[in-house]
Protein backbone atom coordinates (compact mmCIF):
# COMPACT_ATOMS: atom_id res chain seq x y z
CA UNK A 1 0.30 0.07 0.02
CA UNK A 2 1.22 3.66 -0.37
CA UNK A 3 0.18 6.22 2.43
CA UNK A 4 0.33 9.64 1.55
CA UNK A 5 0.83 12.87 3.99
CA UNK A 6 -0.27 16.15 2.92
CA UNK A 7 2.30 17.89 4.20
CA UNK A 8 1.07 21.20 4.48
CA UNK A 9 3.17 23.87 6.22
CA UNK A 10 0.85 24.65 9.02
CA UNK A 11 0.85 20.04 10.04
CA UNK A 12 4.49 19.12 9.33
CA UNK A 13 5.17 19.13 12.88
CA UNK A 14 2.39 16.52 13.41
CA UNK A 15 3.48 14.53 10.38
CA UNK A 16 7.13 14.18 11.72
CA UNK A 17 5.65 13.16 14.68
CA UNK A 18 3.92 10.33 13.00
CA UNK A 19 6.57 9.14 10.82
CA UNK A 20 8.86 8.95 13.90
CA UNK A 21 6.16 6.40 15.52
CA UNK A 22 5.83 4.57 12.66
CA UNK A 23 9.36 4.23 12.58
CA UNK A 24 9.21 2.47 15.64
CA UNK A 25 7.49 -0.51 14.69
CA UNK A 26 9.37 -2.85 12.48
CA UNK A 27 6.59 -3.91 10.64
CA UNK A 28 5.63 -0.19 9.49
CA UNK A 29 9.41 1.07 9.37
CA UNK A 30 9.73 -0.06 5.43
CA UNK A 31 6.14 1.17 5.10
CA UNK A 32 6.31 3.78 1.45
CA UNK A 33 5.49 7.50 2.76
CA UNK A 34 4.73 10.24 -0.28
CA UNK A 35 4.64 13.55 1.38
CA UNK A 36 2.41 16.03 -0.71
CA UNK A 37 3.40 19.96 -0.08
CA UNK A 38 -0.06 21.27 -2.02
CA UNK A 39 -3.11 20.03 -3.34
CA UNK A 40 -2.27 19.36 -6.71
CA UNK A 41 0.50 17.07 -5.75
CA UNK A 42 -2.13 15.39 -3.08
CA UNK A 43 -4.25 14.84 -5.91
CA UNK A 44 -1.29 13.51 -8.32
CA UNK A 45 0.06 11.22 -5.79
CA UNK A 46 -3.28 9.67 -5.27
CA UNK A 47 -4.22 8.87 -8.16
CA UNK A 48 -0.53 7.79 -9.12
CA UNK A 49 -0.52 5.35 -6.18
CA UNK A 50 -4.18 4.17 -7.16
CA UNK A 51 -3.46 3.52 -11.01
CA UNK A 52 0.00 1.59 -9.73
CA UNK A 53 -1.29 -0.41 -7.03
CA UNK A 54 -5.21 -0.44 -6.70
CA UNK A 55 -5.49 1.14 -3.13
CA UNK A 56 -4.19 4.22 -1.08
CA UNK A 57 -4.28 5.38 2.24
CA UNK A 58 -4.25 9.84 2.65
CA UNK A 59 -3.66 11.41 5.76
CA UNK A 60 -4.56 14.74 7.09
CA UNK A 61 -4.21 16.87 10.04
CA UNK A 62 -6.40 19.56 10.53
CA UNK A 63 -6.99 22.88 12.19
CA UNK A 64 -9.98 24.61 12.78
CA UNK A 65 -9.18 27.34 10.66
CA UNK A 66 -8.51 24.94 7.94
CA UNK A 67 -11.34 22.54 7.88
CA UNK A 68 -13.82 24.52 5.24
CA UNK A 69 -10.25 24.25 2.82
CA UNK A 70 -10.10 20.29 4.01
CA UNK A 71 -13.74 19.36 3.60
CA UNK A 72 -13.59 20.32 0.11
CA UNK A 73 -10.30 18.79 -0.85
CA UNK A 74 -11.76 15.92 0.62
CA UNK A 75 -14.71 15.55 -1.65
CA UNK A 76 -12.48 15.68 -4.38
CA UNK A 77 -10.02 13.17 -3.50
CA UNK A 78 -13.32 11.07 -2.76
CA UNK A 79 -14.33 12.10 -6.33
CA UNK A 80 -10.88 11.29 -8.18
CA UNK A 81 -10.66 8.04 -6.66
CA UNK A 82 -13.53 6.46 -4.56
CA UNK A 83 -14.09 3.75 -2.87
CA UNK A 84 -10.52 2.94 -3.46
CA UNK A 85 -8.66 5.24 -1.26
CA UNK A 86 -8.79 5.18 2.51
CA UNK A 87 -9.16 9.24 4.11
CA UNK A 88 -7.61 9.65 7.94
CA UNK A 89 -7.38 12.76 9.67
CA UNK A 90 -6.34 13.60 13.00
CA UNK A 91 -5.16 17.05 14.72
CA UNK A 92 -7.14 19.90 16.89
CA UNK A 93 -10.74 19.85 14.89
CA UNK A 94 -11.05 16.25 14.64
CA UNK A 95 -10.34 15.67 18.07
CA UNK A 96 -12.98 18.46 19.33
CA UNK A 97 -15.47 17.89 16.51
CA UNK A 98 -14.97 14.14 15.48
CA UNK A 99 -18.38 13.68 13.89
CA UNK A 100 -18.13 16.80 11.67
CA UNK A 101 -15.16 15.41 9.70
CA UNK A 102 -16.50 11.94 9.96
CA UNK A 103 -19.76 13.87 7.88
CA UNK A 104 -16.84 15.56 5.82
CA UNK A 105 -16.37 12.37 4.34
CA UNK A 106 -13.46 10.80 6.28
CA UNK A 107 -13.08 6.90 6.89
CA UNK A 108 -11.28 7.32 9.93
CA UNK A 109 -10.52 9.94 12.66
CA UNK A 110 -8.30 10.17 15.63
CA UNK A 111 -9.07 11.88 18.88
CA UNK A 112 -6.38 13.73 20.82
CA UNK A 113 -2.26 11.93 20.64
CA UNK A 114 -2.57 9.40 17.71
CA UNK A 115 1.09 8.12 18.40
CA UNK A 116 -0.16 4.91 19.09
CA UNK A 117 -3.00 4.57 17.53
CA UNK A 118 -2.18 5.72 13.93
CA UNK A 119 0.54 2.90 13.67
CA UNK A 120 -2.29 0.54 15.08
CA UNK A 121 -4.95 1.64 12.33
CA UNK A 122 -2.14 1.34 9.86
CA UNK A 123 -1.03 -2.60 10.92
CA UNK A 124 -4.93 -3.94 10.83
CA UNK A 125 -5.63 -1.58 7.34
CA UNK A 126 -2.42 -3.49 5.95
CA UNK A 127 -3.54 -7.17 7.35
CA UNK A 128 -7.24 -6.60 5.90
CA UNK A 129 -8.93 -6.38 8.91
CA UNK A 130 -10.24 -2.70 8.99
CA UNK A 131 -10.72 -0.21 12.26
CA UNK A 132 -13.28 1.79 13.57
CA UNK A 133 -14.11 4.92 12.01
CA UNK A 134 -13.10 6.48 15.63
CA UNK A 135 -10.10 5.64 17.03
CA UNK A 136 -9.74 7.41 20.71
CA UNK A 137 -6.10 7.70 22.54
CA UNK A 138 -5.83 5.15 25.02
CA UNK A 139 -3.92 7.26 27.63
CA UNK A 140 -1.79 10.18 27.66
CA UNK A 141 1.58 9.41 25.55
CA UNK A 142 4.62 8.77 27.14
CA UNK A 143 7.07 11.35 24.75
CA UNK A 144 10.07 9.69 25.72
CA UNK A 145 8.73 6.25 23.40
CA UNK A 146 8.64 8.11 20.65
CA UNK A 147 10.72 10.55 18.45
CA UNK A 148 9.42 14.17 17.16
CA UNK A 149 10.89 13.27 13.83
CA UNK A 150 11.66 10.64 11.11
CA UNK A 151 15.29 10.68 10.19
CA UNK A 152 15.37 7.94 7.99
CA UNK A 153 12.61 9.08 6.32
CA UNK A 154 14.75 13.30 5.83
CA UNK A 155 11.65 14.26 7.65
CA UNK A 156 13.07 16.89 10.16
CA UNK A 157 11.78 19.74 12.61
CA UNK A 158 11.47 20.99 16.14
CA UNK A 159 12.42 18.53 19.08
CA UNK A 160 9.28 18.60 21.35
CA UNK A 161 10.69 18.89 24.78
CA UNK A 162 7.39 19.43 26.84
CA UNK A 163 3.93 18.37 26.28
CA UNK A 164 0.93 20.10 27.80
CA UNK A 165 -0.28 23.15 29.17
CA UNK A 166 -1.01 24.57 32.82
CA UNK A 167 -3.22 27.23 32.25
CA UNK A 168 -6.01 26.29 29.95
CA UNK A 169 -6.62 29.66 28.28
CA UNK A 170 -9.71 30.19 27.47
CA UNK A 171 -8.40 31.01 23.84
CA UNK A 172 -6.44 28.06 23.08
CA UNK A 173 -6.87 24.27 23.09
CA UNK A 174 -3.29 22.76 23.70
CA UNK A 175 -4.67 21.85 27.37
CA UNK A 176 -7.69 20.13 26.40
CA UNK A 177 -6.02 18.32 23.94
CA UNK A 178 -2.98 17.07 25.85
CA UNK A 179 -4.03 17.96 28.95
CA UNK A 180 -2.70 20.66 32.30
CA UNK A 181 -0.41 18.34 33.60
CA UNK A 182 3.26 18.44 31.71
CA UNK A 183 5.08 16.04 30.22
CA UNK A 184 8.31 16.53 29.69
CA UNK A 185 10.76 14.44 27.21
CA UNK A 186 14.01 13.26 28.81
CA UNK A 187 17.42 15.16 28.66
CA UNK A 188 19.17 11.91 27.34
CA UNK A 189 16.45 11.47 24.70
CA UNK A 190 16.88 15.16 23.79
CA UNK A 191 20.06 14.74 23.13
CA UNK A 192 19.79 11.24 21.15
CA UNK A 193 17.21 13.15 18.73
CA UNK A 194 20.27 15.99 18.48
CA UNK A 195 22.40 13.73 17.33
CA UNK A 196 20.54 12.01 15.02
CA UNK A 197 19.63 16.00 13.54
CA UNK A 198 23.65 16.89 13.53
CA UNK A 199 24.72 13.19 11.90
CA UNK A 200 22.34 13.97 9.04
CA UNK A 201 23.51 17.41 8.38
CA UNK A 202 20.99 19.93 10.15
CA UNK A 203 22.85 22.25 12.37
CA UNK A 204 20.01 24.20 14.18
CA UNK A 205 18.17 22.24 16.91
CA UNK A 206 14.84 23.79 17.79
CA UNK A 207 13.44 23.11 20.99
CA UNK A 208 9.69 22.60 21.12
CA UNK A 209 6.82 23.62 24.49
CA UNK A 210 3.73 25.43 24.88
CA UNK A 211 5.62 27.40 27.19
CA UNK A 212 9.48 27.63 26.40
CA UNK A 213 10.74 28.22 30.29
CA UNK A 214 8.40 25.41 31.54
CA UNK A 215 10.57 22.41 30.93
CA UNK A 216 11.15 19.95 33.67
CA UNK A 217 8.70 21.74 35.94
CA UNK A 218 6.06 20.15 37.76
CA UNK A 219 3.31 22.37 37.46
CA UNK A 220 4.37 24.44 34.40
CA UNK A 221 4.10 27.58 37.15
CA UNK A 222 6.98 27.41 39.19
CA UNK A 223 9.88 26.83 37.03
CA UNK A 224 12.73 24.23 37.31
CA UNK A 225 15.64 26.41 36.35
CA UNK A 226 18.28 23.47 37.35
CA UNK A 227 16.25 20.78 34.88
CA UNK A 228 16.37 23.67 32.15
CA UNK A 229 20.57 23.93 32.86
CA UNK A 230 20.88 20.55 32.10
CA UNK A 231 18.81 20.32 29.31
CA UNK A 232 20.51 23.43 27.73
CA UNK A 233 23.99 22.33 28.70
CA UNK A 234 23.54 18.59 27.21
CA UNK A 235 22.48 19.92 24.26
CA UNK A 236 25.13 22.45 23.38
CA UNK A 237 27.54 19.83 24.14
CA UNK A 238 26.32 17.90 21.64
CA UNK A 239 25.76 20.52 18.67
CA UNK A 240 29.11 21.96 19.79
CA UNK A 241 30.21 25.39 18.99
CA UNK A 242 29.27 25.09 14.74
CA UNK A 243 25.73 24.41 15.96
CA UNK A 244 22.85 26.32 16.80
CA UNK A 245 20.20 26.16 19.60
CA UNK A 246 17.13 27.63 19.20
CA UNK A 247 14.85 28.37 22.20
CA UNK A 248 11.82 30.38 23.01
CA UNK A 249 11.54 31.69 19.59
CA UNK A 250 8.71 29.92 17.07
CA UNK A 251 7.35 27.94 17.38
CA UNK A 252 7.56 28.10 20.86
CA UNK A 253 7.26 31.39 23.06
CA UNK A 254 7.81 31.88 26.67
CA UNK A 255 5.22 33.92 29.48
CA UNK A 256 5.97 37.03 30.62
CA UNK A 257 6.13 36.05 34.30
CA UNK A 258 8.54 33.69 32.84
CA UNK A 259 11.16 36.06 31.37
CA UNK A 260 13.50 37.09 34.36
CA UNK A 261 17.10 37.33 34.59
CA UNK A 262 17.72 33.68 35.47
CA UNK A 263 16.01 32.47 32.64
CA UNK A 264 17.64 34.78 30.52
CA UNK A 265 21.19 34.14 31.43
CA UNK A 266 20.87 30.74 30.55
CA UNK A 267 19.59 31.47 27.01
CA UNK A 268 22.61 34.10 27.05
CA UNK A 269 25.14 31.03 28.12
CA UNK A 270 23.43 28.57 25.67
CA UNK A 271 21.09 29.62 23.04
CA UNK A 272 21.61 31.11 19.62
CA UNK A 273 18.75 33.03 18.63
CA UNK A 274 18.89 36.85 19.26
CA UNK A 275 14.95 37.00 19.26
CA UNK A 276 12.25 35.82 21.37
CA UNK A 277 8.54 35.49 21.44
CA UNK A 278 6.56 36.72 24.60
CA UNK A 279 2.70 35.67 24.50
CA UNK A 280 0.99 38.90 25.79
CA UNK A 281 -2.42 38.51 23.94
CA UNK A 282 -3.83 41.99 25.65
CA UNK A 283 -3.13 44.99 27.36
CA UNK A 284 -5.78 44.86 29.27
CA UNK A 285 -6.29 43.32 32.39
CA UNK A 286 -10.12 42.82 32.59
CA UNK A 287 -9.31 40.65 29.32
CA UNK A 288 -6.14 39.13 30.07
CA UNK A 289 -8.42 38.10 33.57
CA UNK A 290 -11.20 36.98 31.65
CA UNK A 291 -8.90 34.71 29.02
CA UNK A 292 -7.85 33.10 32.19
CA UNK A 293 -3.65 34.46 31.23
CA UNK A 294 -2.61 34.35 34.73
CA UNK A 295 -0.32 37.24 34.57
CA UNK A 296 -0.35 41.04 34.40
CA UNK A 297 0.12 43.84 31.99
CA UNK A 298 2.78 45.17 34.32
CA UNK A 299 4.55 41.53 33.46
CA UNK A 300 4.63 42.08 30.22
CA UNK A 301 6.03 45.36 29.98
CA UNK A 302 8.97 44.43 32.52
CA UNK A 303 9.16 41.03 30.36
CA UNK A 304 10.24 43.18 27.49
CA UNK A 305 11.92 46.04 28.88
CA UNK A 306 14.05 43.35 30.44
CA UNK A 307 14.87 41.11 27.56
CA UNK A 308 15.76 44.21 25.76
CA UNK A 309 18.55 45.25 27.92
CA UNK A 310 19.96 42.01 27.52
CA UNK A 311 19.57 42.70 23.64
CA UNK A 312 17.23 40.53 22.18
CA UNK A 313 15.09 41.67 19.57
CA UNK A 314 11.39 41.10 20.77
CA UNK A 315 7.87 39.75 19.18
CA UNK A 316 5.18 40.17 21.57
CA UNK A 317 1.73 38.18 20.39
CA UNK A 318 -1.35 40.11 20.98
CA UNK A 319 -5.08 38.66 19.93
CA UNK A 320 -7.46 41.56 19.18
CA UNK A 321 -11.14 41.41 19.01
CA UNK A 322 -11.63 38.95 21.90
CA UNK A 323 -15.03 37.77 23.46
CA UNK A 324 -16.20 40.99 25.39
CA UNK A 325 -13.56 43.65 24.20
CA UNK A 326 -14.87 46.72 24.69
CA UNK A 327 -13.33 50.41 23.07
CA UNK A 328 -11.72 50.71 26.85
CA UNK A 329 -9.93 47.55 26.41
CA UNK A 330 -9.00 48.10 22.51
CA UNK A 331 -7.79 51.56 23.98
CA UNK A 332 -5.75 50.08 26.54
CA UNK A 333 -3.95 47.45 25.00
CA UNK A 334 -3.33 50.01 22.31
CA UNK A 335 -1.28 52.11 24.67
CA UNK A 336 0.43 48.87 25.68
CA UNK A 337 1.42 47.96 22.48
CA UNK A 338 2.75 51.86 22.18
CA UNK A 339 5.19 51.03 24.85
CA UNK A 340 6.32 47.97 23.61
CA UNK A 341 6.50 49.64 20.24
CA UNK A 342 8.75 52.24 21.93
CA UNK A 343 10.96 49.84 23.95
CA UNK A 344 12.12 48.50 20.29
CA UNK A 345 9.95 45.29 20.54
CA UNK A 346 7.33 44.30 17.28
CA UNK A 347 3.69 42.88 17.46
CA UNK A 348 2.40 39.69 16.10
CA UNK A 349 -1.24 40.36 16.01
CA UNK A 350 -3.66 37.70 15.93
CA UNK A 351 -7.49 37.86 14.90
CA UNK A 352 -9.41 35.98 17.54
CA UNK A 353 -11.43 32.92 16.17
CA UNK A 354 -13.22 30.27 18.36
CA UNK A 355 -12.24 26.94 18.57
CA UNK A 356 -14.11 23.75 19.71
CA UNK A 357 -13.26 23.21 23.48
CA UNK A 358 -12.25 26.45 24.47
CA UNK A 359 -13.85 28.17 27.28
CA UNK A 360 -14.69 31.17 24.18
CA UNK A 361 -15.72 27.88 21.71
CA UNK A 362 -19.54 29.81 21.64
CA UNK A 363 -18.02 33.28 20.63
CA UNK A 364 -18.19 34.66 17.37
CA UNK A 365 -15.36 35.85 15.32
CA UNK A 366 -13.64 38.51 16.03
CA UNK A 367 -13.50 41.54 13.97
CA UNK A 368 -11.04 44.67 14.03
CA UNK A 369 -12.63 47.40 14.93
CA UNK A 370 -11.89 51.10 13.01
CA UNK A 371 -9.38 52.03 15.83
CA UNK A 372 -7.04 48.83 15.75
CA UNK A 373 -7.38 48.90 12.01
CA UNK A 374 -6.11 52.33 11.82
CA UNK A 375 -3.03 51.70 15.10
CA UNK A 376 -1.87 48.74 13.28
CA UNK A 377 -1.16 50.01 9.74
CA UNK A 378 0.19 52.93 11.25
CA UNK A 379 2.47 51.08 12.94
CA UNK A 380 3.21 48.60 10.48
CA UNK A 381 4.36 51.68 8.44
CA UNK A 382 6.98 51.93 11.28
CA UNK A 383 8.34 48.74 11.19
CA UNK A 384 6.62 47.63 14.58
CA UNK A 385 4.97 44.68 13.17
CA UNK A 386 6.06 41.45 12.71
CA UNK A 387 4.12 39.79 9.60
CA UNK A 388 4.02 36.17 9.84
CA UNK A 389 5.14 34.18 6.39
CA UNK A 390 4.47 30.39 5.83
CA UNK A 391 7.37 29.01 6.24
CA UNK A 392 8.97 26.10 3.51
CA UNK A 393 8.60 22.96 4.73
CA UNK A 394 12.19 21.40 5.11
CA UNK A 395 11.79 17.61 4.23
CA UNK A 396 14.15 15.55 1.86
CA UNK A 397 13.06 11.76 0.42
CA UNK A 398 14.95 8.91 0.19
CA UNK A 399 14.78 5.36 0.54
CA UNK A 400 12.68 3.63 2.44
CA UNK A 401 10.51 6.52 2.45
CA UNK A 402 9.62 5.38 -1.53
CA UNK A 403 8.44 8.45 -2.24
């Protein structure tokens, strides 16, 4: 059989982990996996595999913001391949709304973490036994058991060091999908993955966590600086002077109350990024409390100021159009943003979107008020706004991927 991942730039990290999970099973380690970076590539790979082998499996990872696009794509794949295609889907939206995804035409939906259930389903399909349409994660995954990527297939990405988030912010799905109890990958496991990266060429190691400085923390709130030092020192020892470590930077961010002299000293000593990302989300204390952010406006400004004294470029995330946000809240946020930009940082603006499972799931899509839109345009002209652009997914294809 031929398995194809829709390796969209928004979802590639998830597929790196699934490929790594397959690699840990001797029965699946040689399974051919094709990587489609675009819809056109996906449809071509699927129809080619169907013509050559008579059947094809396609795996999709779906964010809520992608569901409309993916539903259309599912219909197109079904039209192209009929009953000879098995369409599987996982990710945040299938986890939260499995019936909706099944109704869209998906054959198998994975809820929650799929490092265990995904290989189980592949083995079952390969042996002709079939499987249930709805696959539930049996237990929280021991992330030490599975790698973050697949060196054998040339599928590389950040090393996930922590899974879960203690804060359960009102707009975010992370705590609902992965839990509020943090699971940390062991330092030894992270070092082995770092060695795998180094042995295949990449000289940049990105460390991935919902909250960068929480590594080793029992509750995710009180930091374990000894564990953090041990991790960063071990990774630095592995990559050597020529390698680079990126931490507290995309795709991770740091909470403002965790930006302190101790954490920045560690960052300066061991990491190479000259830029850090701080999650503020609002400049209104009332809105921060409504979002259950558990930090203050003052802590945001203090974090930016301190990071700047250490010489870091700073990007600060803000969400606009939050439920219940008043004009007064907007003006308070804009006043904080002026201070943030005045300190030499840039802001990364986001528009609120209601996500299933969250406290704000029933709220309306946010919108930019004229006041905010005008302010952002002015800040953009001054270079105070960070504009994210799709990155190029890094994936080389070589045997035994069979792509």
